């Protein structure tokens, strides 16, 4: 049995069939790096403490920083999935579907990391402010809370703008706000 990648390709000459191919030099492998290769630390599954990394200004952007365009889930079965955020004028209801009584725009029931689910049927609303273009989150009376950068939002009356790298939590699902350049 030969090694992976060294089996003959059908219709192509093999080194054992041709003296010219047998005499050709073997391909060289890439040199080993001389400096250590950095590795990213593992993200904790759940952290209730305040966390915030400020965004660096980007020249040419009307907002001073790139606008927030998504929320990337950091824990649970949907880890590393990015949820697209609304354009100006749109309002998105976050929660879990319970038809026919409640239908949400983004159903996080499959992203849950506990049973019974901690996401409320009507958990939060996300929209983009028409004047500033900022992404805004409002808790709509969730049982287990909504947090932005470690601060719990009061249901109904708290509207909080979100910047790039803001940490958002809906009950036990933790997300980070990402700008357009970070979404693939």
N, C-alpha and C. Protein backbone atom coordinates (compact mmCIF):
# COMPACT_ATOMS: atom_id res chain seq x y z
N UNK A 1 0.85 -1.16 0.00
CA UNK A 1 0.00 0.00 0.00
C UNK A 1 0.90 1.23 0.00
N UNK A 2 0.56 2.21 -0.81
CA UNK A 2 1.38 3.42 -0.89
C UNK A 2 0.85 4.49 0.05
N UNK A 3 1.64 5.54 0.22
CA UNK A 3 1.24 6.65 1.07
C UNK A 3 0.23 7.52 0.35
N UNK A 4 -0.56 8.23 1.13
CA UNK A 4 -1.56 9.13 0.57
C UNK A 4 -0.91 10.12 -0.38
N UNK A 5 -1.50 10.33 -1.54
CA UNK A 5 -0.99 11.29 -2.50
C UNK A 5 0.10 10.75 -3.39
N UNK A 6 0.53 9.50 -3.18
CA UNK A 6 1.59 8.94 -4.00
C UNK A 6 1.09 7.84 -4.93
N UNK A 7 -0.21 7.54 -4.89
CA UNK A 7 -0.77 6.56 -5.81
C UNK A 7 -0.69 7.10 -7.23
N UNK A 8 -0.52 6.22 -8.22
CA UNK A 8 -0.47 6.70 -9.60
C UNK A 8 -1.83 7.25 -10.02
N UNK A 9 -1.79 8.28 -10.85
CA UNK A 9 -3.01 8.87 -11.38
C UNK A 9 -3.31 8.16 -12.69
N UNK A 10 -4.54 7.66 -12.85
CA UNK A 10 -4.89 6.95 -14.09
C UNK A 10 -4.63 7.82 -15.31
N UNK A 11 -3.96 7.26 -16.32
CA UNK A 11 -3.66 7.97 -17.56
C UNK A 11 -2.40 8.81 -17.51
N UNK A 12 -1.75 8.92 -16.36
CA UNK A 12 -0.53 9.71 -16.22
C UNK A 12 0.65 8.75 -16.05
N UNK A 13 1.82 9.08 -16.65
CA UNK A 13 2.98 8.20 -16.47
C UNK A 13 3.45 8.22 -15.02
N UNK A 14 3.95 7.11 -14.53
CA UNK A 14 4.44 6.98 -13.17
C UNK A 14 5.96 6.86 -13.22
N UNK A 15 6.65 7.26 -12.15
CA UNK A 15 8.11 7.24 -12.10
C UNK A 15 8.67 5.85 -12.38
N UNK A 16 7.99 4.80 -11.97
CA UNK A 16 8.51 3.45 -12.21
C UNK A 16 8.40 3.06 -13.68
N UNK A 17 7.54 3.79 -14.46
CA UNK A 17 7.37 3.49 -15.88
C UNK A 17 8.35 4.23 -16.76
N UNK A 18 8.96 5.31 -16.26
CA UNK A 18 9.80 6.15 -17.10
C UNK A 18 11.11 6.47 -16.40
N UNK A 19 12.27 6.20 -17.01
CA UNK A 19 13.56 6.53 -16.39
C UNK A 19 13.74 8.04 -16.20
N UNK A 20 13.15 8.88 -17.11
CA UNK A 20 13.30 10.33 -16.97
C UNK A 20 12.61 10.83 -15.70
N UNK A 21 11.41 10.31 -15.43
CA UNK A 21 10.69 10.73 -14.25
C UNK A 21 11.36 10.23 -12.97
N UNK A 22 11.93 9.05 -13.02
CA UNK A 22 12.60 8.48 -11.84
C UNK A 22 13.84 9.29 -11.48
N UNK A 23 14.51 9.92 -12.48
CA UNK A 23 15.72 10.67 -12.22
C UNK A 23 15.44 12.10 -11.77
N UNK A 24 14.17 12.59 -11.88
CA UNK A 24 13.88 13.97 -11.50
C UNK A 24 13.99 14.13 -9.98
N UNK A 25 14.43 15.32 -9.53
CA UNK A 25 14.59 15.52 -8.08
C UNK A 25 13.22 15.53 -7.38
N UNK A 26 13.24 15.06 -6.15
CA UNK A 26 12.01 15.04 -5.35
C UNK A 26 11.66 16.47 -4.95
N UNK A 27 10.37 16.77 -4.85
CA UNK A 27 9.99 18.12 -4.43
C UNK A 27 10.45 18.38 -3.00
N UNK A 28 10.84 19.64 -2.75
CA UNK A 28 11.31 20.01 -1.42
C UNK A 28 10.14 20.52 -0.59
N UNK A 29 10.17 20.20 0.70
CA UNK A 29 9.11 20.69 1.58
C UNK A 29 9.47 22.10 2.04
N UNK A 30 8.45 22.82 2.52
CA UNK A 30 8.66 24.18 3.00
C UNK A 30 9.56 24.17 4.23
N UNK A 31 10.43 25.17 4.37
CA UNK A 31 11.30 25.21 5.56
C UNK A 31 10.46 25.44 6.82
N UNK A 32 10.96 24.92 7.92
CA UNK A 32 10.29 25.10 9.20
C UNK A 32 10.40 26.57 9.62
N UNK A 33 9.32 27.16 10.20
CA UNK A 33 9.41 28.55 10.62
C UNK A 33 10.43 28.70 11.76
N UNK A 34 11.13 29.84 11.74
CA UNK A 34 12.14 30.08 12.77
C UNK A 34 11.57 30.86 13.95
N UNK A 35 10.34 31.37 13.81
CA UNK A 35 9.71 32.10 14.90
C UNK A 35 8.48 31.33 15.38
N UNK A 36 8.07 31.51 16.63
CA UNK A 36 6.91 30.78 17.11
C UNK A 36 5.64 31.23 16.40
N UNK A 37 4.76 30.30 16.12
CA UNK A 37 3.49 30.60 15.48
C UNK A 37 2.48 30.89 16.57
N UNK A 38 1.84 32.10 16.56
CA UNK A 38 0.89 32.42 17.62
C UNK A 38 -0.38 31.59 17.50
N UNK A 39 -0.94 31.25 18.65
CA UNK A 39 -2.21 30.53 18.66
C UNK A 39 -3.21 31.36 19.44
N UNK A 40 -4.48 31.29 19.01
CA UNK A 40 -5.53 32.05 19.68
C UNK A 40 -5.96 31.32 20.94
N UNK A 41 -6.17 32.06 22.03
CA UNK A 41 -6.65 31.40 23.24
C UNK A 41 -8.08 30.94 23.05
N UNK A 42 -8.45 29.87 23.71
CA UNK A 42 -9.81 29.36 23.62
C UNK A 42 -10.75 30.31 24.33
N UNK A 43 -11.90 30.59 23.71
CA UNK A 43 -12.88 31.49 24.32
C UNK A 43 -13.66 30.72 25.39
N UNK A 44 -13.91 31.38 26.54
CA UNK A 44 -14.69 30.69 27.56
C UNK A 44 -16.11 30.48 27.08
N UNK A 45 -16.75 29.41 27.55
CA UNK A 45 -18.12 29.14 27.14
C UNK A 45 -19.10 30.14 27.72
N UNK A 46 -18.80 30.66 28.88
CA UNK A 46 -19.76 31.54 29.53
C UNK A 46 -19.01 32.46 30.48
N UNK A 47 -19.25 33.74 30.36
CA UNK A 47 -18.59 34.72 31.21
C UNK A 47 -19.56 35.85 31.46
N UNK A 48 -19.89 36.09 32.70
CA UNK A 48 -20.88 37.09 33.04
C UNK A 48 -20.27 38.45 33.31
N UNK A 49 -18.96 38.53 33.38
CA UNK A 49 -18.31 39.78 33.75
C UNK A 49 -18.25 40.77 32.61
N UNK A 50 -17.99 42.05 32.95
CA UNK A 50 -17.90 43.07 31.91
C UNK A 50 -16.67 42.85 31.04
N UNK A 51 -16.87 42.88 29.73
CA UNK A 51 -15.79 42.71 28.78
C UNK A 51 -16.02 43.71 27.66
N UNK A 52 -15.01 44.49 27.31
CA UNK A 52 -15.17 45.41 26.19
C UNK A 52 -13.81 45.74 25.61
N UNK A 53 -13.69 45.59 24.32
CA UNK A 53 -12.47 46.00 23.62
C UNK A 53 -12.86 47.12 22.68
N UNK A 54 -12.26 48.27 22.82
CA UNK A 54 -12.63 49.42 22.01
C UNK A 54 -12.24 49.21 20.55
N UNK A 55 -13.04 49.76 19.66
CA UNK A 55 -12.75 49.68 18.23
C UNK A 55 -11.77 50.77 17.84
N UNK A 56 -10.84 50.42 16.98
CA UNK A 56 -9.89 51.41 16.48
C UNK A 56 -10.54 52.19 15.34
N UNK A 57 -10.38 53.52 15.28
CA UNK A 57 -10.96 54.29 14.18
C UNK A 57 -10.39 53.83 12.84
N UNK A 58 -11.24 53.84 11.85
CA UNK A 58 -10.82 53.48 10.50
C UNK A 58 -11.01 54.70 9.64
N UNK A 59 -9.94 55.16 8.97
CA UNK A 59 -10.05 56.36 8.17
C UNK A 59 -11.00 56.13 7.01
N UNK A 60 -11.73 57.17 6.67
CA UNK A 60 -12.64 57.09 5.55
C UNK A 60 -14.03 56.61 5.92
N UNK A 61 -14.26 56.14 7.12
CA UNK A 61 -15.57 55.68 7.53
C UNK A 61 -16.36 56.84 8.12
N UNK A 62 -17.63 57.03 7.73
CA UNK A 62 -18.40 58.14 8.26
C UNK A 62 -18.71 57.99 9.74
N UNK A 63 -18.57 56.78 10.31
CA UNK A 63 -18.87 56.54 11.71
C UNK A 63 -17.63 56.61 12.59
N UNK A 64 -16.44 56.78 12.02
CA UNK A 64 -15.21 56.75 12.80
C UNK A 64 -14.70 55.34 12.97
N UNK A 65 -15.60 54.37 13.04
CA UNK A 65 -15.25 52.95 13.05
C UNK A 65 -16.14 52.28 12.02
N UNK A 66 -15.77 51.09 11.61
CA UNK A 66 -16.63 50.37 10.67
C UNK A 66 -17.94 50.05 11.37
N UNK A 67 -19.08 50.18 10.67
CA UNK A 67 -20.36 49.92 11.32
C UNK A 67 -20.54 48.44 11.64
N UNK A 68 -21.27 48.18 12.71
CA UNK A 68 -21.57 46.82 13.11
C UNK A 68 -22.54 46.23 12.10
N UNK A 69 -22.21 45.04 11.58
CA UNK A 69 -23.05 44.40 10.58
C UNK A 69 -23.54 43.02 11.00
N UNK A 70 -23.01 42.49 12.11
CA UNK A 70 -23.44 41.17 12.54
C UNK A 70 -23.10 40.90 13.99
N UNK A 71 -23.68 39.82 14.50
CA UNK A 71 -23.37 39.31 15.84
C UNK A 71 -22.89 37.88 15.68
N UNK A 72 -21.65 37.60 16.10
CA UNK A 72 -21.08 36.26 16.00
C UNK A 72 -21.30 35.54 17.33
N UNK A 73 -21.90 34.35 17.26
CA UNK A 73 -22.18 33.56 18.45
C UNK A 73 -20.87 32.95 18.95
N UNK A 74 -20.61 33.06 20.25
CA UNK A 74 -19.35 32.60 20.83
C UNK A 74 -19.44 31.27 21.56
N UNK A 75 -20.64 30.79 21.87
CA UNK A 75 -20.75 29.53 22.62
C UNK A 75 -21.93 28.70 22.11
N UNK A 76 -21.94 27.45 22.53
CA UNK A 76 -23.06 26.58 22.18
C UNK A 76 -22.94 25.97 20.80
N UNK A 77 -24.01 25.28 20.36
CA UNK A 77 -23.96 24.56 19.09
C UNK A 77 -23.84 25.47 17.86
N UNK A 78 -24.18 26.73 17.97
CA UNK A 78 -24.05 27.65 16.84
C UNK A 78 -22.79 28.50 16.95
N UNK A 79 -21.81 28.07 17.73
CA UNK A 79 -20.58 28.82 17.91
C UNK A 79 -19.95 29.17 16.56
N UNK A 80 -19.51 30.40 16.41
CA UNK A 80 -18.87 30.96 15.21
C UNK A 80 -19.84 31.25 14.06
N UNK A 81 -21.13 31.11 14.27
CA UNK A 81 -22.11 31.52 13.26
C UNK A 81 -22.38 33.00 13.47
N UNK A 82 -22.42 33.76 12.37
CA UNK A 82 -22.67 35.19 12.45
C UNK A 82 -24.09 35.49 11.98
N UNK A 83 -24.83 36.20 12.82
CA UNK A 83 -26.18 36.62 12.49
C UNK A 83 -26.11 38.00 11.85
N UNK A 84 -26.72 38.16 10.68
CA UNK A 84 -26.75 39.46 10.02
C UNK A 84 -27.68 40.39 10.78
N UNK A 85 -27.29 41.66 10.87
CA UNK A 85 -28.09 42.66 11.57
C UNK A 85 -28.88 43.50 10.58
N UNK A 86 -29.91 44.20 11.07
CA UNK A 86 -30.81 44.93 10.18
C UNK A 86 -30.15 46.12 9.51
N UNK A 87 -30.72 46.44 8.33
CA UNK A 87 -30.35 47.68 7.67
C UNK A 87 -31.22 48.77 8.28
N UNK A 88 -30.96 50.00 7.92
CA UNK A 88 -31.73 51.12 8.46
C UNK A 88 -33.22 50.89 8.22
N UNK A 89 -34.00 51.09 9.27
CA UNK A 89 -35.46 50.97 9.16
C UNK A 89 -36.01 49.60 9.49
N UNK A 90 -35.18 48.56 9.48
CA UNK A 90 -35.66 47.22 9.81
C UNK A 90 -35.58 46.99 11.31
N UNK A 91 -36.49 46.18 11.80
CA UNK A 91 -36.48 45.79 13.20
C UNK A 91 -36.54 44.27 13.24
N UNK A 92 -35.64 43.65 14.02
CA UNK A 92 -35.56 42.20 14.09
C UNK A 92 -35.90 41.75 15.50
N UNK A 93 -36.84 40.81 15.60
CA UNK A 93 -37.20 40.24 16.89
C UNK A 93 -36.38 38.99 17.14
N UNK A 94 -35.66 38.96 18.27
CA UNK A 94 -34.84 37.82 18.68
C UNK A 94 -35.63 37.03 19.72
N UNK A 95 -35.58 35.72 19.64
CA UNK A 95 -36.26 34.89 20.64
C UNK A 95 -36.32 33.45 20.17
N UNK A 96 -37.45 32.79 20.50
CA UNK A 96 -37.65 31.43 19.99
C UNK A 96 -39.09 31.28 19.53
N UNK A 97 -39.22 30.64 18.39
CA UNK A 97 -40.53 30.44 17.78
C UNK A 97 -41.41 29.54 18.64
N UNK A 98 -42.68 29.89 18.71
CA UNK A 98 -43.69 29.08 19.37
C UNK A 98 -45.00 29.28 18.59
N UNK A 99 -45.04 28.72 17.35
CA UNK A 99 -46.18 28.97 16.49
C UNK A 99 -47.46 28.35 17.07
N UNK A 100 -48.60 28.90 16.84
CA UNK A 100 -48.84 30.12 16.05
C UNK A 100 -48.77 31.38 16.88
N UNK A 101 -48.59 31.27 18.17
CA UNK A 101 -48.63 32.45 19.05
C UNK A 101 -47.46 33.41 18.81
N UNK A 102 -46.24 32.90 18.66
CA UNK A 102 -45.07 33.77 18.52
C UNK A 102 -44.21 33.27 17.36
N UNK A 103 -43.90 34.20 16.46
CA UNK A 103 -42.96 33.92 15.38
C UNK A 103 -41.92 35.02 15.41
N UNK A 104 -40.65 34.64 15.49
CA UNK A 104 -39.56 35.62 15.59
C UNK A 104 -38.76 35.66 14.30
N UNK A 105 -37.99 36.74 14.13
CA UNK A 105 -37.14 36.87 12.94
C UNK A 105 -35.88 36.03 13.05
N UNK A 106 -35.27 35.99 14.25
CA UNK A 106 -34.11 35.15 14.50
C UNK A 106 -34.46 34.22 15.66
N UNK A 107 -34.62 32.94 15.34
CA UNK A 107 -34.98 31.92 16.32
C UNK A 107 -33.70 31.31 16.89
N UNK A 108 -33.44 31.57 18.18
CA UNK A 108 -32.23 31.08 18.82
C UNK A 108 -32.45 29.78 19.59
N UNK A 109 -33.58 29.11 19.39
CA UNK A 109 -33.85 27.88 20.15
C UNK A 109 -32.83 26.79 19.83
N UNK A 110 -32.33 26.72 18.60
CA UNK A 110 -31.32 25.72 18.23
C UNK A 110 -29.94 26.09 18.75
N UNK A 111 -29.75 27.35 19.15
CA UNK A 111 -28.46 27.80 19.67
C UNK A 111 -28.36 27.62 21.18
N UNK A 112 -29.44 27.19 21.81
CA UNK A 112 -29.49 27.03 23.26
C UNK A 112 -28.42 26.07 23.76
N UNK A 113 -27.88 26.38 24.94
CA UNK A 113 -26.89 25.48 25.55
C UNK A 113 -27.44 24.84 26.81
N UNK A 114 -28.75 24.98 27.05
CA UNK A 114 -29.35 24.34 28.22
C UNK A 114 -30.78 23.91 27.91
N UNK A 115 -31.26 23.00 28.68
CA UNK A 115 -32.66 22.57 28.60
C UNK A 115 -33.22 22.60 30.00
N UNK A 116 -34.35 23.19 30.27
CA UNK A 116 -35.21 23.88 29.31
C UNK A 116 -34.54 25.16 28.80
N UNK A 117 -35.02 25.66 27.66
CA UNK A 117 -34.39 26.84 27.06
C UNK A 117 -34.51 28.07 27.95
N UNK A 118 -33.47 28.91 27.90
CA UNK A 118 -33.47 30.14 28.67
C UNK A 118 -33.84 31.36 27.82
N UNK A 119 -33.81 31.21 26.50
CA UNK A 119 -34.21 32.30 25.61
C UNK A 119 -35.73 32.44 25.70
N UNK A 120 -36.19 33.67 25.89
CA UNK A 120 -37.63 33.92 25.93
C UNK A 120 -38.20 33.87 24.52
N UNK A 121 -39.50 33.64 24.44
CA UNK A 121 -40.14 33.63 23.13
C UNK A 121 -39.96 34.99 22.45
N UNK A 122 -40.22 36.05 23.16
CA UNK A 122 -39.95 37.43 22.70
C UNK A 122 -38.85 37.95 23.61
N UNK A 123 -37.60 37.91 23.16
CA UNK A 123 -36.46 38.22 24.03
C UNK A 123 -35.97 39.67 23.87
N UNK A 124 -35.63 40.05 22.64
CA UNK A 124 -35.07 41.39 22.40
C UNK A 124 -35.37 41.83 20.98
N UNK A 125 -35.26 43.13 20.76
CA UNK A 125 -35.41 43.71 19.43
C UNK A 125 -34.08 44.36 19.07
N UNK A 126 -33.65 44.17 17.82
CA UNK A 126 -32.45 44.83 17.31
C UNK A 126 -32.87 45.67 16.11
N UNK A 127 -32.41 46.91 16.08
CA UNK A 127 -32.67 47.76 14.93
C UNK A 127 -31.51 48.72 14.74
N UNK A 128 -31.49 49.40 13.61
CA UNK A 128 -30.44 50.37 13.31
C UNK A 128 -31.06 51.76 13.37
N UNK A 129 -30.48 52.63 14.19
CA UNK A 129 -30.98 54.00 14.34
C UNK A 129 -30.90 54.72 13.00
N UNK A 130 -32.00 55.33 12.59
CA UNK A 130 -32.03 56.01 11.29
C UNK A 130 -31.09 57.22 11.24
N UNK A 131 -30.93 57.91 12.35
CA UNK A 131 -30.10 59.11 12.37
C UNK A 131 -28.61 58.82 12.40
N UNK A 132 -28.19 57.91 13.29
CA UNK A 132 -26.75 57.67 13.47
C UNK A 132 -26.26 56.42 12.75
N UNK A 133 -27.15 55.52 12.40
CA UNK A 133 -26.74 54.25 11.78
C UNK A 133 -26.26 53.23 12.80
N UNK A 134 -26.33 53.58 14.10
CA UNK A 134 -25.86 52.67 15.15
C UNK A 134 -26.83 51.51 15.33
N UNK A 135 -26.30 50.33 15.63
CA UNK A 135 -27.12 49.17 15.95
C UNK A 135 -27.56 49.31 17.40
N UNK A 136 -28.85 49.10 17.65
CA UNK A 136 -29.43 49.29 18.96
C UNK A 136 -30.16 48.01 19.38
N UNK A 137 -30.01 47.64 20.66
CA UNK A 137 -30.68 46.46 21.21
C UNK A 137 -31.60 46.91 22.33
N UNK A 138 -32.80 46.35 22.35
CA UNK A 138 -33.76 46.64 23.41
C UNK A 138 -34.31 45.33 23.94
N UNK A 139 -34.23 45.10 25.24
CA UNK A 139 -34.85 43.94 25.86
C UNK A 139 -36.36 44.19 25.89
N UNK A 140 -37.14 43.19 25.47
CA UNK A 140 -38.60 43.36 25.42
C UNK A 140 -39.32 42.56 26.50
N UNK A 141 -38.68 42.44 27.65
CA UNK A 141 -39.31 41.76 28.77
C UNK A 141 -38.90 40.31 28.92
N UNK A 142 -37.67 39.99 28.53
CA UNK A 142 -37.19 38.61 28.63
C UNK A 142 -37.09 38.18 30.09
N UNK A 143 -37.24 36.89 30.33
CA UNK A 143 -37.15 36.35 31.69
C UNK A 143 -35.70 36.30 32.17
N UNK A 144 -34.77 35.87 31.30
CA UNK A 144 -33.39 35.63 31.72
C UNK A 144 -32.41 36.69 31.26
N UNK A 145 -32.88 37.80 30.75
CA UNK A 145 -32.07 38.97 30.54
C UNK A 145 -31.30 39.09 29.25
N UNK A 146 -30.96 40.35 28.95
CA UNK A 146 -30.12 40.74 27.83
C UNK A 146 -29.04 41.64 28.40
N UNK A 147 -27.79 41.40 28.01
CA UNK A 147 -26.65 42.17 28.48
C UNK A 147 -25.90 42.75 27.29
N UNK A 148 -25.36 43.96 27.45
CA UNK A 148 -24.44 44.55 26.48
C UNK A 148 -23.23 45.00 27.28
N UNK A 149 -22.07 44.45 26.95
CA UNK A 149 -20.80 44.75 27.64
C UNK A 149 -20.92 44.60 29.15
N UNK A 150 -21.59 43.53 29.58
CA UNK A 150 -21.69 43.20 31.00
C UNK A 150 -22.76 43.95 31.76
N UNK A 151 -23.51 44.82 31.10
CA UNK A 151 -24.57 45.59 31.76
C UNK A 151 -25.92 45.03 31.34
N UNK A 152 -26.72 44.63 32.35
CA UNK A 152 -28.04 44.07 32.05
C UNK A 152 -28.99 45.20 31.65
N UNK A 153 -29.72 44.97 30.55
CA UNK A 153 -30.69 45.94 30.09
C UNK A 153 -31.99 45.78 30.86
N UNK A 154 -32.63 46.89 31.21
CA UNK A 154 -33.93 46.82 31.86
C UNK A 154 -34.99 46.57 30.79
N UNK A 155 -35.87 45.60 31.00
CA UNK A 155 -36.89 45.30 29.99
C UNK A 155 -37.76 46.51 29.67
N UNK A 156 -38.00 46.69 28.38
CA UNK A 156 -38.95 47.68 27.93
C UNK A 156 -38.43 49.08 27.73
N UNK A 157 -37.62 49.61 28.61
CA UNK A 157 -37.26 51.02 28.48
C UNK A 157 -35.78 51.27 28.19
N UNK A 158 -34.95 50.24 28.16
CA UNK A 158 -33.54 50.46 27.93
C UNK A 158 -33.19 50.16 26.48
N UNK A 159 -32.68 51.15 25.79
CA UNK A 159 -32.24 51.00 24.41
C UNK A 159 -30.74 51.27 24.42
N UNK A 160 -29.94 50.29 24.00
CA UNK A 160 -28.50 50.39 24.11
C UNK A 160 -27.82 50.29 22.75
N UNK A 161 -27.02 51.31 22.35
CA UNK A 161 -26.26 51.18 21.10
C UNK A 161 -25.13 50.16 21.26
N UNK A 162 -24.81 49.48 20.17
CA UNK A 162 -23.78 48.44 20.17
C UNK A 162 -22.68 48.86 19.21
N UNK A 163 -21.42 48.77 19.66
CA UNK A 163 -20.29 49.08 18.79
C UNK A 163 -19.54 47.80 18.45
N UNK A 164 -18.65 47.88 17.46
CA UNK A 164 -17.85 46.71 17.08
C UNK A 164 -17.10 46.22 18.32
N UNK A 165 -17.06 44.94 18.52
CA UNK A 165 -16.43 44.25 19.64
C UNK A 165 -17.24 44.30 20.94
N UNK A 166 -18.44 44.88 20.91
CA UNK A 166 -19.31 44.81 22.09
C UNK A 166 -19.71 43.36 22.31
N UNK A 167 -19.74 42.94 23.58
CA UNK A 167 -20.16 41.59 23.93
C UNK A 167 -21.63 41.67 24.32
N UNK A 168 -22.45 40.86 23.64
CA UNK A 168 -23.89 40.85 23.86
C UNK A 168 -24.27 39.46 24.36
N UNK A 169 -25.22 39.41 25.28
CA UNK A 169 -25.68 38.10 25.77
C UNK A 169 -27.19 38.11 25.85
N UNK A 170 -27.80 37.11 25.22
CA UNK A 170 -29.23 36.85 25.33
C UNK A 170 -29.36 35.60 26.20
N UNK A 171 -29.80 35.76 27.47
CA UNK A 171 -29.86 34.65 28.44
C UNK A 171 -28.47 34.04 28.55
N UNK A 172 -28.28 32.79 28.08
CA UNK A 172 -26.97 32.14 28.20
C UNK A 172 -26.21 32.07 26.87
N UNK A 173 -26.69 32.75 25.84
CA UNK A 173 -26.03 32.74 24.53
C UNK A 173 -25.21 34.02 24.41
N UNK A 174 -23.89 33.85 24.26
CA UNK A 174 -22.96 34.98 24.23
C UNK A 174 -22.53 35.25 22.79
N UNK A 175 -22.53 36.53 22.41
CA UNK A 175 -22.20 36.95 21.05
C UNK A 175 -21.25 38.14 21.10
N UNK A 176 -20.58 38.40 19.98
CA UNK A 176 -19.74 39.59 19.86
C UNK A 176 -20.14 40.32 18.59
N UNK A 177 -20.22 41.65 18.68
CA UNK A 177 -20.58 42.47 17.53
C UNK A 177 -19.38 42.56 16.59
N UNK A 178 -19.62 42.35 15.31
CA UNK A 178 -18.55 42.40 14.32
C UNK A 178 -18.88 43.43 13.25
N UNK A 179 -17.83 44.02 12.67
CA UNK A 179 -18.01 45.00 11.61
C UNK A 179 -17.95 44.29 10.27
N UNK A 180 -18.31 45.01 9.22
CA UNK A 180 -18.39 44.44 7.88
C UNK A 180 -17.13 43.76 7.41
N UNK A 181 -15.95 44.27 7.79
CA UNK A 181 -14.71 43.68 7.32
C UNK A 181 -14.47 42.31 7.92
N UNK A 182 -15.15 41.96 9.06
CA UNK A 182 -14.90 40.69 9.73
C UNK A 182 -15.82 39.57 9.25
N UNK A 183 -16.85 39.91 8.48
CA UNK A 183 -17.78 38.90 8.00
C UNK A 183 -17.30 38.38 6.67
N UNK A 184 -17.26 37.08 6.53
CA UNK A 184 -16.76 36.47 5.30
C UNK A 184 -17.89 36.13 4.37
